Amino acid sequence: MDVIEPRWRTASRSSNNGGDCVEVADNLAGRVLVRDSKDRAGGMLSFAPEVWRIFVAARSER
């Protein structure tokens, strides 16, 4: 069985934070992954897609 690495992308809202960026990826298990772009080996958080959508929507309202 081949392991497929997530395709990381810089979060669209991260570009306005002076280099404090997070990266986001979807994985094959149907989860949204989030990590610190300055410490890629430091671990990641995993969210259910519906929880991530709620978080992003709440942040967009600010």
PDB file of N, CA and C in Angstrom:
ATOM      1  N   MET A   1       0.840  -1.172   0.000  1.00  0.00           N
ATOM      2  CA  MET A   1       0.000   0.000   0.000  1.00  0.00           C
ATOM      3  C   MET A   1       0.892   1.246   0.000  1.00  0.00           C
ATOM      4  N   ASP A   2       0.680   2.150  -0.933  1.00  0.00           N
ATOM      5  CA  ASP A   2       1.441   3.378  -1.022  1.00  0.00           C
ATOM      6  C   ASP A   2       0.896   4.411  -0.036  1.00  0.00           C
ATOM      7  N   VAL A   3       1.804   5.141   0.590  1.00  0.00           N
ATOM      8  CA  VAL A   3       1.419   6.244   1.461  1.00  0.00           C
ATOM      9  C   VAL A   3       1.415   7.508   0.622  1.00  0.00           C
ATOM     10  N   ILE A   4       0.316   8.207   0.629  1.00  0.00           N
ATOM     11  CA  ILE A   4       0.203   9.444  -0.135  1.00  0.00           C
ATOM     12  C   ILE A   4       0.321  10.613   0.833  1.00  0.00           C
ATOM     13  N   GLU A   5       1.311  11.456   0.589  1.00  0.00           N
ATOM     14  CA  GLU A   5       1.537  12.620   1.436  1.00  0.00           C
ATOM     15  C   GLU A   5       0.454  13.673   1.177  1.00  0.00           C
ATOM     16  N   PRO A   6       0.048  14.382   2.205  1.00  0.00           N
ATOM     17  CA  PRO A   6      -0.928  15.458   1.997  1.00  0.00           C
ATOM     18  C   PRO A   6      -0.320  16.563   1.140  1.00  0.00           C
ATOM     19  N   ARG A   7      -1.139  17.262   0.399  1.00  0.00           N
ATOM     20  CA  ARG A   7      -0.702  18.403  -0.408  1.00  0.00           C
ATOM     21  C   ARG A   7      -0.956  19.661   0.410  1.00  0.00           C
ATOM     22  N   TRP A   8       0.095  20.179   0.990  1.00  0.00           N
ATOM     23  CA  TRP A   8      -0.007  21.343   1.856  1.00  0.00           C
ATOM     24  C   TRP A   8      -0.121  22.615   1.043  1.00  0.00           C
ATOM     25  N   ARG A   9      -0.901  23.565   1.531  1.00  0.00           N
ATOM     26  CA  ARG A   9      -1.031  24.888   0.925  1.00  0.00           C
ATOM     27  C   ARG A   9      -1.060  25.917   2.058  1.00  0.00           C
ATOM     28  N   THR A  10      -0.533  27.094   1.784  1.00  0.00           N
ATOM     29  CA  THR A  10      -0.559  28.160   2.781  1.00  0.00           C
ATOM     30  C   THR A  10      -1.976  28.686   2.892  1.00  0.00           C
ATOM     31  N   ALA A  11      -2.457  28.813   4.100  1.00  0.00           N
ATOM     32  CA  ALA A  11      -3.808  29.322   4.318  1.00  0.00           C
ATOM     33  C   ALA A  11      -3.921  30.737   3.753  1.00  0.00           C
ATOM     34  N   SER A  12      -5.020  31.038   3.096  1.00  0.00           N
ATOM     35  CA  SER A  12      -5.177  32.325   2.411  1.00  0.00           C
ATOM     36  C   SER A  12      -5.102  33.501   3.367  1.00  0.00           C
ATOM     37  N   ARG A  13      -5.499  33.353   4.587  1.00  0.00           N
ATOM     38  CA  ARG A  13      -5.466  34.446   5.556  1.00  0.00           C
ATOM     39  C   ARG A  13      -4.099  34.609   6.211  1.00  0.00           C
ATOM     40  N   SER A  14      -3.194  33.697   5.989  1.00  0.00           N
ATOM     41  CA  SER A  14      -1.889  33.760   6.642  1.00  0.00           C
ATOM     42  C   SER A  14      -0.983  34.828   6.051  1.00  0.00           C
ATOM     43  N   SER A  15      -1.202  35.234   4.829  1.00  0.00           N
ATOM     44  CA  SER A  15      -0.299  36.175   4.173  1.00  0.00           C
ATOM     45  C   SER A  15      -0.322  37.558   4.822  1.00  0.00           C
ATOM     46  N   ASN A  16      -1.311  37.857   5.629  1.00  0.00           N
ATOM     47  CA  ASN A  16      -1.425  39.170   6.260  1.00  0.00           C
ATOM     48  C   ASN A  16      -0.849  39.204   7.673  1.00  0.00           C
ATOM     49  N   ASN A  17      -0.175  38.156   8.099  1.00  0.00           N
ATOM     50  CA  ASN A  17       0.266  38.060   9.484  1.00  0.00           C
ATOM     51  C   ASN A  17       1.762  38.223   9.667  1.00  0.00           C
ATOM     52  N   GLY A  18       2.451  38.831   8.736  1.00  0.00           N
ATOM     53  CA  GLY A  18       3.875  39.074   8.897  1.00  0.00           C
ATOM     54  C   GLY A  18       4.720  37.820   8.991  1.00  0.00           C
ATOM     55  N   GLY A  19       4.351  36.776   8.285  1.00  0.00           N
ATOM     56  CA  GLY A  19       5.132  35.549   8.279  1.00  0.00           C
ATOM     57  C   GLY A  19       4.646  34.479   9.239  1.00  0.00           C
ATOM     58  N   ASP A  20       3.668  34.797  10.068  1.00  0.00           N
ATOM     59  CA  ASP A  20       3.097  33.790  10.966  1.00  0.00           C
ATOM     60  C   ASP A  20       2.061  32.993  10.192  1.00  0.00           C
ATOM     61  N   CYS A  21       2.519  31.980   9.493  1.00  0.00           N
ATOM     62  CA  CYS A  21       1.650  31.259   8.567  1.00  0.00           C
ATOM     63  C   CYS A  21       1.304  29.864   9.069  1.00  0.00           C
ATOM     64  N   VAL A  22       0.132  29.444   8.682  1.00  0.00           N
ATOM     65  CA  VAL A  22      -0.242  28.047   8.853  1.00  0.00           C
ATOM     66  C   VAL A  22      -0.458  27.463   7.470  1.00  0.00           C
ATOM     67  N   GLU A  23      -0.267  26.161   7.386  1.00  0.00           N
ATOM     68  CA  GLU A  23      -0.522  25.438   6.148  1.00  0.00           C
ATOM     69  C   GLU A  23      -1.669  24.479   6.404  1.00  0.00           C
ATOM     70  N   VAL A  24      -2.451  24.255   5.376  1.00  0.00           N
ATOM     71  CA  VAL A  24      -3.639  23.422   5.464  1.00  0.00           C
ATOM     72  C   VAL A  24      -3.570  22.357   4.379  1.00  0.00           C
ATOM     73  N   ALA A  25      -4.042  21.163   4.685  1.00  0.00           N
ATOM     74  CA  ALA A  25      -4.102  20.080   3.690  1.00  0.00           C
ATOM     75  C   ALA A  25      -5.317  19.212   3.983  1.00  0.00           C
ATOM     76  N   ASP A  26      -5.857  18.638   2.942  1.00  0.00           N
ATOM     77  CA  ASP A  26      -6.890  17.610   3.080  1.00  0.00           C
ATOM     78  C   ASP A  26      -6.182  16.275   2.941  1.00  0.00           C
ATOM     79  N   ASN A  27      -6.621  15.278   3.684  1.00  0.00           N
ATOM     80  CA  ASN A  27      -5.988  13.966   3.523  1.00  0.00           C
ATOM     81  C   ASN A  27      -7.014  12.931   3.095  1.00  0.00           C
ATOM     82  N   LEU A  28      -6.546  11.748   2.786  1.00  0.00           N
ATOM     83  CA  LEU A  28      -7.417  10.713   2.251  1.00  0.00           C
ATOM     84  C   LEU A  28      -8.399  10.163   3.276  1.00  0.00           C
ATOM     85  N   ALA A  29      -8.148  10.416   4.541  1.00  0.00           N
ATOM     86  CA  ALA A  29      -9.061   9.953   5.590  1.00  0.00           C
ATOM     87  C   ALA A  29     -10.212  10.934   5.795  1.00  0.00           C
ATOM     88  N   GLY A  30     -10.284  11.958   4.964  1.00  0.00           N
ATOM     89  CA  GLY A  30     -11.376  12.908   5.064  1.00  0.00           C
ATOM     90  C   GLY A  30     -11.201  13.920   6.178  1.00  0.00           C
ATOM     91  N   ARG A  31      -9.974  14.205   6.565  1.00  0.00           N
ATOM     92  CA  ARG A  31      -9.675  15.154   7.625  1.00  0.00           C
ATOM     93  C   ARG A  31      -8.997  16.385   7.031  1.00  0.00           C
ATOM     94  N   VAL A  32      -9.093  17.502   7.734  1.00  0.00           N
ATOM     95  CA  VAL A  32      -8.365  18.709   7.373  1.00  0.00           C
ATOM     96  C   VAL A  32      -7.187  18.811   8.336  1.00  0.00           C
ATOM     97  N   LEU A  33      -5.987  18.919   7.791  1.00  0.00           N
ATOM     98  CA  LEU A  33      -4.774  18.979   8.590  1.00  0.00           C
ATOM     99  C   LEU A  33      -4.255  20.417   8.616  1.00  0.00           C
ATOM    100  N   VAL A  34      -3.707  20.837   9.750  1.00  0.00           N
ATOM    101  CA  VAL A  34      -3.177  22.190   9.912  1.00  0.00           C
ATOM    102  C   VAL A  34      -1.826  22.081  10.617  1.00  0.00           C
ATOM    103  N   ARG A  35      -0.831  22.830  10.111  1.00  0.00           N
ATOM    104  CA  ARG A  35       0.488  22.837  10.749  1.00  0.00           C
ATOM    105  C   ARG A  35       1.102  24.224  10.638  1.00  0.00           C
ATOM    106  N   ASP A  36       2.115  24.474  11.448  1.00  0.00           N
ATOM    107  CA  ASP A  36       2.867  25.724  11.448  1.00  0.00           C
ATOM    108  C   ASP A  36       3.892  25.665  10.317  1.00  0.00           C
ATOM    109  N   SER A  37       3.872  26.633   9.422  1.00  0.00           N
ATOM    110  CA  SER A  37       4.789  26.609   8.283  1.00  0.00           C
ATOM    111  C   SER A  37       6.242  26.798   8.702  1.00  0.00           C
ATOM    112  N   LYS A  38       6.485  27.369   9.881  1.00  0.00           N
ATOM    113  CA  LYS A  38       7.850  27.565  10.352  1.00  0.00           C
ATOM    114  C   LYS A  38       8.393  26.343  11.085  1.00  0.00           C
ATOM    115  N   ASP A  39       7.534  25.381  11.401  1.00  0.00           N
ATOM    116  CA  ASP A  39       7.945  24.175  12.133  1.00  0.00           C
ATOM    117  C   ASP A  39       7.183  22.975  11.570  1.00  0.00           C
ATOM    118  N   ARG A  40       7.450  22.661  10.336  1.00  0.00           N
ATOM    119  CA  ARG A  40       6.697  21.622   9.627  1.00  0.00           C
ATOM    120  C   ARG A  40       6.831  20.242  10.252  1.00  0.00           C
ATOM    121  N   ALA A  41       7.928  19.991  10.932  1.00  0.00           N
ATOM    122  CA  ALA A  41       8.121  18.683  11.567  1.00  0.00           C
ATOM    123  C   ALA A  41       7.567  18.667  12.994  1.00  0.00           C
ATOM    124  N   GLY A  42       7.031  19.775  13.443  1.00  0.00           N
ATOM    125  CA  GLY A  42       6.587  19.904  14.826  1.00  0.00           C
ATOM    126  C   GLY A  42       5.214  19.339  15.125  1.00  0.00           C
ATOM    127  N   GLY A  43       4.599  18.700  14.179  1.00  0.00           N
ATOM    128  CA  GLY A  43       3.283  18.122  14.407  1.00  0.00           C
ATOM    129  C   GLY A  43       2.196  18.879  13.673  1.00  0.00           C
ATOM    130  N   MET A  44       1.000  18.344  13.768  1.00  0.00           N
ATOM    131  CA  MET A  44      -0.134  18.956  13.073  1.00  0.00           C
ATOM    132  C   MET A  44      -1.402  18.697  13.862  1.00  0.00           C
ATOM    133  N   LEU A  45      -2.403  19.488  13.567  1.00  0.00           N
ATOM    134  CA  LEU A  45      -3.734  19.293  14.124  1.00  0.00           C
ATOM    135  C   LEU A  45      -4.608  18.674  13.049  1.00  0.00           C
ATOM    136  N   SER A  46      -5.604  17.924  13.449  1.00  0.00           N
ATOM    137  CA  SER A  46      -6.504  17.256  12.515  1.00  0.00           C
ATOM    138  C   SER A  46      -7.947  17.583  12.901  1.00  0.00           C
ATOM    139  N   PHE A  47      -8.721  18.028  11.916  1.00  0.00           N
ATOM    140  CA  PHE A  47     -10.106  18.425  12.152  1.00  0.00           C
ATOM    141  C   PHE A  47     -11.045  17.706  11.189  1.00  0.00           C
ATOM    142  N   ALA A  48     -12.252  17.462  11.639  1.00  0.00           N
ATOM    143  CA  ALA A  48     -13.308  17.000  10.734  1.00  0.00           C
ATOM    144  C   ALA A  48     -13.642  18.167   9.799  1.00  0.00           C
ATOM    145  N   PRO A  49     -13.931  17.903   8.531  1.00  0.00           N
ATOM    146  CA  PRO A  49     -14.191  18.989   7.579  1.00  0.00           C
ATOM    147  C   PRO A  49     -15.284  19.954   8.031  1.00  0.00           C
ATOM    148  N   GLU A  50     -16.354  19.449   8.634  1.00  0.00           N
ATOM    149  CA  GLU A  50     -17.444  20.348   9.053  1.00  0.00           C
ATOM    150  C   GLU A  50     -17.000  21.270  10.189  1.00  0.00           C
ATOM    151  N   VAL A  51     -16.140  20.786  11.068  1.00  0.00           N
ATOM    152  CA  VAL A  51     -15.614  21.628  12.146  1.00  0.00           C
ATOM    153  C   VAL A  51     -14.709  22.708  11.564  1.00  0.00           C
ATOM    154  N   TRP A  52     -13.876  22.349  10.604  1.00  0.00           N
ATOM    155  CA  TRP A  52     -12.994  23.325   9.953  1.00  0.00           C
ATOM    156  C   TRP A  52     -13.802  24.403   9.244  1.00  0.00           C
ATOM    157  N   ARG A  53     -14.884  24.012   8.550  1.00  0.00           N
ATOM    158  CA  ARG A  53     -15.735  24.995   7.853  1.00  0.00           C
ATOM    159  C   ARG A  53     -16.347  25.983   8.843  1.00  0.00           C
ATOM    160  N   ILE A  54     -16.794  25.496   9.987  1.00  0.00           N
ATOM    161  CA  ILE A  54     -17.367  26.374  11.010  1.00  0.00           C
ATOM    162  C   ILE A  54     -16.311  27.351  11.523  1.00  0.00           C
ATOM    163  N   PHE A  55     -15.114  26.859  11.770  1.00  0.00           N
ATOM    164  CA  PHE A  55     -14.010  27.716  12.235  1.00  0.00           C
ATOM    165  C   PHE A  55     -13.712  28.803  11.203  1.00  0.00           C
ATOM    166  N   VAL A  56     -13.545  28.428   9.943  1.00  0.00           N
ATOM    167  CA  VAL A  56     -13.214  29.393   8.895  1.00  0.00           C
ATOM    168  C   VAL A  56     -14.335  30.413   8.734  1.00  0.00           C
ATOM    169  N   ALA A  57     -15.575  29.960   8.784  1.00  0.00           N
ATOM    170  CA  ALA A  57     -16.710  30.895   8.655  1.00  0.00           C
ATOM    171  C   ALA A  57     -16.734  31.886   9.815  1.00  0.00           C
ATOM    172  N   ALA A  58     -16.462  31.420  11.011  1.00  0.00           N
ATOM    173  CA  ALA A  58     -16.459  32.312  12.175  1.00  0.00           C
ATOM    174  C   ALA A  58     -15.337  33.334  12.067  1.00  0.00           C
ATOM    175  N   ARG A  59     -14.169  32.910  11.584  1.00  0.00           N
ATOM    176  CA  ARG A  59     -13.039  33.826  11.427  1.00  0.00           C
ATOM    177  C   ARG A  59     -13.318  34.853  10.330  1.00  0.00           C
ATOM    178  N   SER A  60     -14.075  34.461   9.313  1.00  0.00           N
ATOM    179  CA  SER A  60     -14.376  35.368   8.198  1.00  0.00           C
ATOM    180  C   SER A  60     -15.338  36.481   8.613  1.00  0.00           C
ATOM    181  N   GLU A  61     -16.105  36.239   9.651  1.00  0.00           N
ATOM    182  CA  GLU A  61     -17.078  37.233  10.109  1.00  0.00           C
ATOM    183  C   GLU A  61     -16.431  38.378  10.864  1.00  0.00           C
ATOM    184  N   ARG A  62     -15.178  38.234  11.226  1.00  0.00           N
ATOM    185  CA  ARG A  62     -14.493  39.280  12.005  1.00  0.00           C
ATOM    186  C   ARG A  62     -14.087  40.426  11.160  1.00  0.00           C
TER     187      ARG A  62
END
